[in-house]
Amino acid sequence: MEFALQIVDLAEQTRLLGQVAPTLETLTAEAERVREEDILAPIDQLTPLVLRLHELALTCTRQLHDLSTSQYTVMAYGRENVARLTEACSQVSLASALGAIAISSRTEILLYSGADPTPSTSRNHLRRACVEMDHTATTYQALAQRLSRRLASAAARNEDQQLIDRSLAAPVAADSGTVIADPPLTIPPSTPPEPATASSPRSRH
């Protein structure tokens, strides 16, 4: 499969990365505030939080896609950065899902006789969501700072430009004239385990 390397505005991408951490800090504070309450109106109290987390997850996923097909991946530490960004992006989605589960954990008492009538279960889901948001905020802040420092350093910019130029020097597709770069982030296929034999430990169970 062929991948065309996209050139994006890294200064703008740095700004977008830097916006995520303070947004998550605000959402964490909101989740903690609701968690201290009895959550008697879970839909009214938690839906705004869940919606904002969901919107943030979409924004993060969109940026992940943009960066994963851009020059960002071939710069120094590029693949590691994309892998960290992927993990952080999934944590935002998980926090959003945990918020939604916190709502249903409080309303399921209307459906099931054995449901927890207290807010304890919902509070636990919100606590987990806060943990995910804390971890994610730290990652986004670190990624934004790393990219900002590289853009601010003439030596780092020169190093990265050489890496980008080398990637852009890849063969040109004969049919379209598009410069084709290596896949920005590929995971090597796992090697299938060897079949168990009579002498292998697995065959003795």
C-alpha atoms as a PDB file:
ATOM      1  CA  MET A   1       0.000   0.000   0.000  1.00  0.00           C
ATOM      2  CA  GLU A   2       1.298   3.444  -0.953  1.00  0.00           C
ATOM      3  CA  PHE A   3       1.296   6.451   1.379  1.00  0.00           C
ATOM      4  CA  ALA A   4       1.724  10.032   0.233  1.00  0.00           C
ATOM      5  CA  LEU A   5       3.547  12.072   2.854  1.00  0.00           C
ATOM      6  CA  GLN A   6       1.532  15.189   3.687  1.00  0.00           C
ATOM      7  CA  ILE A   7       3.242  18.419   4.731  1.00  0.00           C
ATOM      8  CA  VAL A   8       1.350  20.098   7.568  1.00  0.00           C
ATOM      9  CA  ASP A   9       1.854  23.294   9.543  1.00  0.00           C
ATOM     10  CA  LEU A  10       3.736  22.008  12.592  1.00  0.00           C
ATOM     11  CA  ALA A  11       3.431  25.298  14.447  1.00  0.00           C
ATOM     12  CA  GLU A  12      -0.350  24.986  14.235  1.00  0.00           C
ATOM     13  CA  GLN A  13      -0.164  21.324  15.239  1.00  0.00           C
ATOM     14  CA  THR A  14       1.918  22.329  18.261  1.00  0.00           C
ATOM     15  CA  ARG A  15      -0.756  24.824  19.245  1.00  0.00           C
ATOM     16  CA  LEU A  16      -3.459  22.160  18.928  1.00  0.00           C
ATOM     17  CA  LEU A  17      -1.448  19.682  20.989  1.00  0.00           C
ATOM     18  CA  GLY A  18      -0.962  22.312  23.662  1.00  0.00           C
ATOM     19  CA  GLN A  19      -4.698  22.967  23.950  1.00  0.00           C
ATOM     20  CA  VAL A  20      -5.562  19.417  24.982  1.00  0.00           C
ATOM     21  CA  ALA A  21      -3.967  19.373  28.452  1.00  0.00           C
ATOM     22  CA  PRO A  22      -5.766  22.469  29.835  1.00  0.00           C
ATOM     23  CA  THR A  23      -9.031  21.244  28.329  1.00  0.00           C
ATOM     24  CA  LEU A  24      -8.610  17.909  30.085  1.00  0.00           C
ATOM     25  CA  GLU A  25      -7.758  19.641  33.345  1.00  0.00           C
ATOM     26  CA  THR A  26     -11.048  21.554  33.141  1.00  0.00           C
ATOM     27  CA  LEU A  27     -12.988  18.386  32.376  1.00  0.00           C
ATOM     28  CA  THR A  28     -11.264  16.526  35.204  1.00  0.00           C
ATOM     29  CA  ALA A  29     -12.255  19.234  37.653  1.00  0.00           C
ATOM     30  CA  GLU A  30     -15.855  18.994  36.426  1.00  0.00           C
ATOM     31  CA  ALA A  31     -15.866  15.204  36.813  1.00  0.00           C
ATOM     32  CA  GLU A  32     -14.448  15.508  40.331  1.00  0.00           C
ATOM     33  CA  ARG A  33     -17.119  18.051  41.234  1.00  0.00           C
ATOM     34  CA  VAL A  34     -19.956  15.787  40.084  1.00  0.00           C
ATOM     35  CA  ARG A  35     -18.307  12.800  41.751  1.00  0.00           C
ATOM     36  CA  GLU A  36     -18.627  14.515  45.132  1.00  0.00           C
ATOM     37  CA  GLU A  37     -22.383  14.807  44.694  1.00  0.00           C
ATOM     38  CA  ASP A  38     -25.136  12.204  45.044  1.00  0.00           C
ATOM     39  CA  ILE A  39     -25.647  12.246  41.254  1.00  0.00           C
ATOM     40  CA  LEU A  40     -29.437  12.242  41.606  1.00  0.00           C
ATOM     41  CA  ALA A  41     -29.878  13.599  38.066  1.00  0.00           C
ATOM     42  CA  PRO A  42     -27.134  11.703  36.227  1.00  0.00           C
ATOM     43  CA  ILE A  43     -28.216  12.582  32.701  1.00  0.00           C
ATOM     44  CA  ASP A  44     -28.409  16.302  33.424  1.00  0.00           C
ATOM     45  CA  GLN A  45     -25.252  16.309  35.509  1.00  0.00           C
ATOM     46  CA  LEU A  46     -23.000  14.143  33.347  1.00  0.00           C
ATOM     47  CA  THR A  47     -24.166  14.470  29.742  1.00  0.00           C
ATOM     48  CA  PRO A  48     -22.429  17.851  29.183  1.00  0.00           C
ATOM     49  CA  LEU A  49     -19.164  16.327  30.429  1.00  0.00           C
ATOM     50  CA  VAL A  50     -19.530  13.229  28.254  1.00  0.00           C
ATOM     51  CA  LEU A  51     -20.349  15.306  25.174  1.00  0.00           C
ATOM     52  CA  ARG A  52     -17.293  17.517  25.649  1.00  0.00           C
ATOM     53  CA  LEU A  53     -15.091  14.462  26.126  1.00  0.00           C
ATOM     54  CA  HIS A  54     -16.563  12.869  23.025  1.00  0.00           C
ATOM     55  CA  GLU A  55     -15.951  16.020  20.990  1.00  0.00           C
ATOM     56  CA  LEU A  56     -12.391  16.177  22.312  1.00  0.00           C
ATOM     57  CA  ALA A  57     -11.861  12.535  21.379  1.00  0.00           C
ATOM     58  CA  LEU A  58     -12.984  13.287  17.815  1.00  0.00           C
ATOM     59  CA  THR A  59     -10.646  16.284  17.641  1.00  0.00           C
ATOM     60  CA  CYS A  60      -7.729  14.242  18.987  1.00  0.00           C
ATOM     61  CA  THR A  61      -8.420  11.391  16.576  1.00  0.00           C
ATOM     62  CA  ARG A  62      -8.537  13.806  13.640  1.00  0.00           C
ATOM     63  CA  GLN A  63      -5.205  15.325  14.646  1.00  0.00           C
ATOM     64  CA  LEU A  64      -3.708  11.870  15.159  1.00  0.00           C
ATOM     65  CA  HIS A  65      -4.641  10.987  11.596  1.00  0.00           C
ATOM     66  CA  ASP A  66      -3.239  14.247  10.232  1.00  0.00           C
ATOM     67  CA  LEU A  67       0.068  13.854  12.052  1.00  0.00           C
ATOM     68  CA  SER A  68       0.403  10.139  11.300  1.00  0.00           C
ATOM     69  CA  THR A  69       0.436  10.847   7.555  1.00  0.00           C
ATOM     70  CA  SER A  70       2.642  13.933   7.758  1.00  0.00           C
ATOM     71  CA  GLN A  71       6.323  14.828   8.018  1.00  0.00           C
ATOM     72  CA  TYR A  72       5.893  14.527  11.797  1.00  0.00           C
ATOM     73  CA  THR A  73       6.374  10.763  11.520  1.00  0.00           C
ATOM     74  CA  VAL A  74       9.757  10.922   9.806  1.00  0.00           C
ATOM     75  CA  MET A  75      11.216  13.576  12.104  1.00  0.00           C
ATOM     76  CA  ALA A  76      13.403  12.577  15.048  1.00  0.00           C
ATOM     77  CA  TYR A  77      11.393  10.496  17.543  1.00  0.00           C
ATOM     78  CA  GLY A  78       8.486  10.642  15.073  1.00  0.00           C
ATOM     79  CA  ARG A  79       7.281   7.065  15.315  1.00  0.00           C
ATOM     80  CA  GLU A  80       7.573   7.070  19.091  1.00  0.00           C
ATOM     81  CA  ASN A  81       5.628  10.332  19.236  1.00  0.00           C
ATOM     82  CA  VAL A  82       2.847   8.957  17.047  1.00  0.00           C
ATOM     83  CA  ALA A  83       2.654   5.813  19.167  1.00  0.00           C
ATOM     84  CA  ARG A  84       2.361   7.914  22.347  1.00  0.00           C
ATOM     85  CA  LEU A  85      -0.228  10.131  20.676  1.00  0.00           C
ATOM     86  CA  THR A  86      -2.227   7.061  19.663  1.00  0.00           C
ATOM     87  CA  GLU A  87      -2.280   5.793  23.236  1.00  0.00           C
ATOM     88  CA  ALA A  88      -3.260   9.215  24.599  1.00  0.00           C
ATOM     89  CA  CYS A  89      -6.015   9.560  22.016  1.00  0.00           C
ATOM     90  CA  SER A  90      -7.475   6.210  23.044  1.00  0.00           C
ATOM     91  CA  GLN A  91      -7.417   7.323  26.687  1.00  0.00           C
ATOM     92  CA  VAL A  92      -9.594  10.330  25.832  1.00  0.00           C
ATOM     93  CA  SER A  93     -12.092   7.994  24.178  1.00  0.00           C
ATOM     94  CA  LEU A  94     -11.963   5.689  27.194  1.00  0.00           C
ATOM     95  CA  ALA A  95     -12.645   8.600  29.559  1.00  0.00           C
ATOM     96  CA  SER A  96     -15.656   9.552  27.442  1.00  0.00           C
ATOM     97  CA  ALA A  97     -16.947   5.966  27.551  1.00  0.00           C
ATOM     98  CA  LEU A  98     -16.453   5.792  31.318  1.00  0.00           C
ATOM     99  CA  GLY A  99     -18.481   8.971  31.709  1.00  0.00           C
ATOM    100  CA  ALA A 100     -21.314   7.430  29.696  1.00  0.00           C
ATOM    101  CA  ILE A 101     -21.130   4.274  31.807  1.00  0.00           C
ATOM    102  CA  ALA A 102     -21.278   6.429  34.937  1.00  0.00           C
ATOM    103  CA  ILE A 103     -24.641   7.734  33.704  1.00  0.00           C
ATOM    104  CA  SER A 104     -26.076   4.299  33.005  1.00  0.00           C
ATOM    105  CA  SER A 105     -24.730   2.929  36.293  1.00  0.00           C
ATOM    106  CA  ARG A 106     -26.924   5.454  38.072  1.00  0.00           C
ATOM    107  CA  THR A 107     -30.047   4.934  35.937  1.00  0.00           C
ATOM    108  CA  GLU A 108     -30.020   1.141  35.750  1.00  0.00           C
ATOM    109  CA  ILE A 109     -31.731   1.002  39.146  1.00  0.00           C
ATOM    110  CA  LEU A 110     -34.890   1.833  37.184  1.00  0.00           C
ATOM    111  CA  LEU A 111     -34.404  -1.304  35.102  1.00  0.00           C
ATOM    112  CA  TYR A 112     -32.851  -3.956  37.309  1.00  0.00           C
ATOM    113  CA  SER A 113     -33.736  -4.967  40.834  1.00  0.00           C
ATOM    114  CA  GLY A 114     -30.152  -5.877  41.697  1.00  0.00           C
ATOM    115  CA  ALA A 115     -28.639  -2.577  40.570  1.00  0.00           C
ATOM    116  CA  ASP A 116     -26.603  -0.469  42.982  1.00  0.00           C
ATOM    117  CA  PRO A 117     -28.981   2.132  44.466  1.00  0.00           C
ATOM    118  CA  THR A 118     -26.068   4.303  45.638  1.00  0.00           C
ATOM    119  CA  PRO A 119     -23.821   6.561  43.538  1.00  0.00           C
ATOM    120  CA  SER A 120     -20.780   4.445  44.416  1.00  0.00           C
ATOM    121  CA  THR A 121     -20.514   2.646  41.073  1.00  0.00           C
ATOM    122  CA  SER A 122     -20.909   5.857  39.095  1.00  0.00           C
ATOM    123  CA  ARG A 123     -18.328   7.563  41.274  1.00  0.00           C
ATOM    124  CA  ASN A 124     -15.882   4.754  40.615  1.00  0.00           C
ATOM    125  CA  HIS A 125     -16.305   5.120  36.851  1.00  0.00           C
ATOM    126  CA  LEU A 126     -15.757   8.866  37.163  1.00  0.00           C
ATOM    127  CA  ARG A 127     -12.646   8.252  39.251  1.00  0.00           C
ATOM    128  CA  ARG A 128     -11.272   6.007  36.509  1.00  0.00           C
ATOM    129  CA  ALA A 129     -12.147   8.617  33.897  1.00  0.00           C
ATOM    130  CA  CYS A 130     -10.193  11.212  35.885  1.00  0.00           C
ATOM    131  CA  VAL A 131      -7.163   8.919  36.007  1.00  0.00           C
ATOM    132  CA  GLU A 132      -7.274   8.487  32.235  1.00  0.00           C
ATOM    133  CA  MET A 133      -7.604  12.235  31.709  1.00  0.00           C
ATOM    134  CA  ASP A 134      -4.684  12.959  34.053  1.00  0.00           C
ATOM    135  CA  HIS A 135      -2.429  10.544  32.178  1.00  0.00           C
ATOM    136  CA  THR A 136      -3.541  11.912  28.831  1.00  0.00           C
ATOM    137  CA  ALA A 137      -2.981  15.535  29.835  1.00  0.00           C
ATOM    138  CA  THR A 138       0.581  14.700  30.872  1.00  0.00           C
ATOM    139  CA  THR A 139       1.279  12.990  27.540  1.00  0.00           C
ATOM    140  CA  TYR A 140      -0.157  15.794  25.425  1.00  0.00           C
ATOM    141  CA  GLN A 141       1.761  18.409  27.376  1.00  0.00           C
ATOM    142  CA  ALA A 142       5.006  16.483  26.892  1.00  0.00           C
ATOM    143  CA  LEU A 143       4.398  15.999  23.151  1.00  0.00           C
ATOM    144  CA  ALA A 144       3.560  19.670  22.666  1.00  0.00           C
ATOM    145  CA  GLN A 145       6.711  20.734  24.527  1.00  0.00           C
ATOM    146  CA  ARG A 146       8.906  18.313  22.585  1.00  0.00           C
ATOM    147  CA  LEU A 147       7.631  19.542  19.218  1.00  0.00           C
ATOM    148  CA  SER A 148       7.851  23.173  20.291  1.00  0.00           C
ATOM    149  CA  ARG A 149      11.476  22.752  21.347  1.00  0.00           C
ATOM    150  CA  ARG A 150      12.442  21.095  18.075  1.00  0.00           C
ATOM    151  CA  LEU A 151      10.802  23.868  16.075  1.00  0.00           C
ATOM    152  CA  ALA A 152      12.628  26.470  18.182  1.00  0.00           C
ATOM    153  CA  SER A 153      16.052  24.856  17.706  1.00  0.00           C
ATOM    154  CA  ALA A 154      17.890  25.584  14.459  1.00  0.00           C
ATOM    155  CA  ALA A 155      19.959  22.413  14.830  1.00  0.00           C
ATOM    156  CA  ALA A 156      16.882  20.266  15.430  1.00  0.00           C
ATOM    157  CA  ARG A 157      15.045  21.871  12.505  1.00  0.00           C
ATOM    158  CA  ASN A 158      17.999  21.137  10.243  1.00  0.00           C
ATOM    159  CA  GLU A 159      18.146  17.512  11.425  1.00  0.00           C
ATOM    160  CA  ASP A 160      14.424  17.040  10.889  1.00  0.00           C
ATOM    161  CA  GLN A 161      14.503  18.676   7.460  1.00  0.00           C
ATOM    162  CA  GLN A 162      17.180  16.238   6.367  1.00  0.00           C
ATOM    163  CA  LEU A 163      15.004  13.346   7.527  1.00  0.00           C
ATOM    164  CA  ILE A 164      11.985  14.793   5.731  1.00  0.00           C
ATOM    165  CA  ASP A 165      13.954  15.364   2.513  1.00  0.00           C
ATOM    166  CA  ARG A 166      15.239  11.808   2.657  1.00  0.00           C
ATOM    167  CA  SER A 167      11.673  10.505   2.977  1.00  0.00           C
ATOM    168  CA  LEU A 168      10.448  12.707   0.140  1.00  0.00           C
ATOM    169  CA  ALA A 169      13.223  11.340  -2.051  1.00  0.00           C
ATOM    170  CA  ALA A 170      11.354   8.025  -2.157  1.00  0.00           C
ATOM    171  CA  PRO A 171      10.322   6.654  -5.592  1.00  0.00           C
ATOM    172  CA  VAL A 172       7.593   8.478  -7.495  1.00  0.00           C
ATOM    173  CA  ALA A 173       4.466   6.564  -8.402  1.00  0.00           C
ATOM    174  CA  ALA A 174       4.513   5.962 -12.168  1.00  0.00           C
ATOM    175  CA  ASP A 175       0.795   6.447 -12.677  1.00  0.00           C
ATOM    176  CA  SER A 176       0.178   9.653 -10.724  1.00  0.00           C
ATOM    177  CA  GLY A 177       3.513  11.397 -10.259  1.00  0.00           C
ATOM    178  CA  THR A 178       2.864  11.464  -6.497  1.00  0.00           C
ATOM    179  CA  VAL A 179       5.839  11.197  -4.180  1.00  0.00           C
ATOM    180  CA  ILE A 180       5.362   8.016  -2.186  1.00  0.00           C
ATOM    181  CA  ALA A 181       6.864   7.752   1.268  1.00  0.00           C
ATOM    182  CA  ASP A 182       7.229   4.753   3.486  1.00  0.00           C
ATOM    183  CA  PRO A 183       4.173   4.029   5.644  1.00  0.00           C
ATOM    184  CA  PRO A 184       4.335   6.552   8.524  1.00  0.00           C
ATOM    185  CA  LEU A 185       3.749   3.951  11.196  1.00  0.00           C
ATOM    186  CA  THR A 186       3.689   0.234  10.519  1.00  0.00           C
ATOM    187  CA  ILE A 187       3.539  -2.561  13.056  1.00  0.00           C
ATOM    188  CA  PRO A 188       5.627  -5.622  12.143  1.00  0.00           C
ATOM    189  CA  PRO A 189       3.495  -8.760  11.872  1.00  0.00           C
ATOM    190  CA  SER A 190       3.823 -11.128  14.771  1.00  0.00           C
ATOM    191  CA  THR A 191       5.513 -14.444  14.153  1.00  0.00           C
ATOM    192  CA  PRO A 192       3.070 -17.353  14.566  1.00  0.00           C
ATOM    193  CA  PRO A 193       4.058 -19.642  17.439  1.00  0.00           C
ATOM    194  CA  GLU A 194       5.607 -22.917  16.480  1.00  0.00           C
ATOM    195  CA  PRO A 195       3.189 -25.841  16.735  1.00  0.00           C
ATOM    196  CA  ALA A 196       3.507 -27.854  19.907  1.00  0.00           C
ATOM    197  CA  THR A 197       5.410 -31.099  19.624  1.00  0.00           C
ATOM    198  CA  ALA A 198       5.631 -34.092  21.864  1.00  0.00           C
ATOM    199  CA  SER A 199       8.755 -32.687  23.492  1.00  0.00           C
ATOM    200  CA  SER A 200       7.504 -29.143  23.997  1.00  0.00           C
ATOM    201  CA  PRO A 201       6.271 -28.052  27.451  1.00  0.00           C
ATOM    202  CA  ARG A 202       2.890 -27.052  26.067  1.00  0.00           C
ATOM    203  CA  SER A 203       2.089 -30.597  24.958  1.00  0.00           C
ATOM    204  CA  ARG A 204       2.476 -31.920  28.485  1.00  0.00           C
ATOM    205  CA  HIS A 205      -0.572 -30.130  29.930  1.00  0.00           C
END
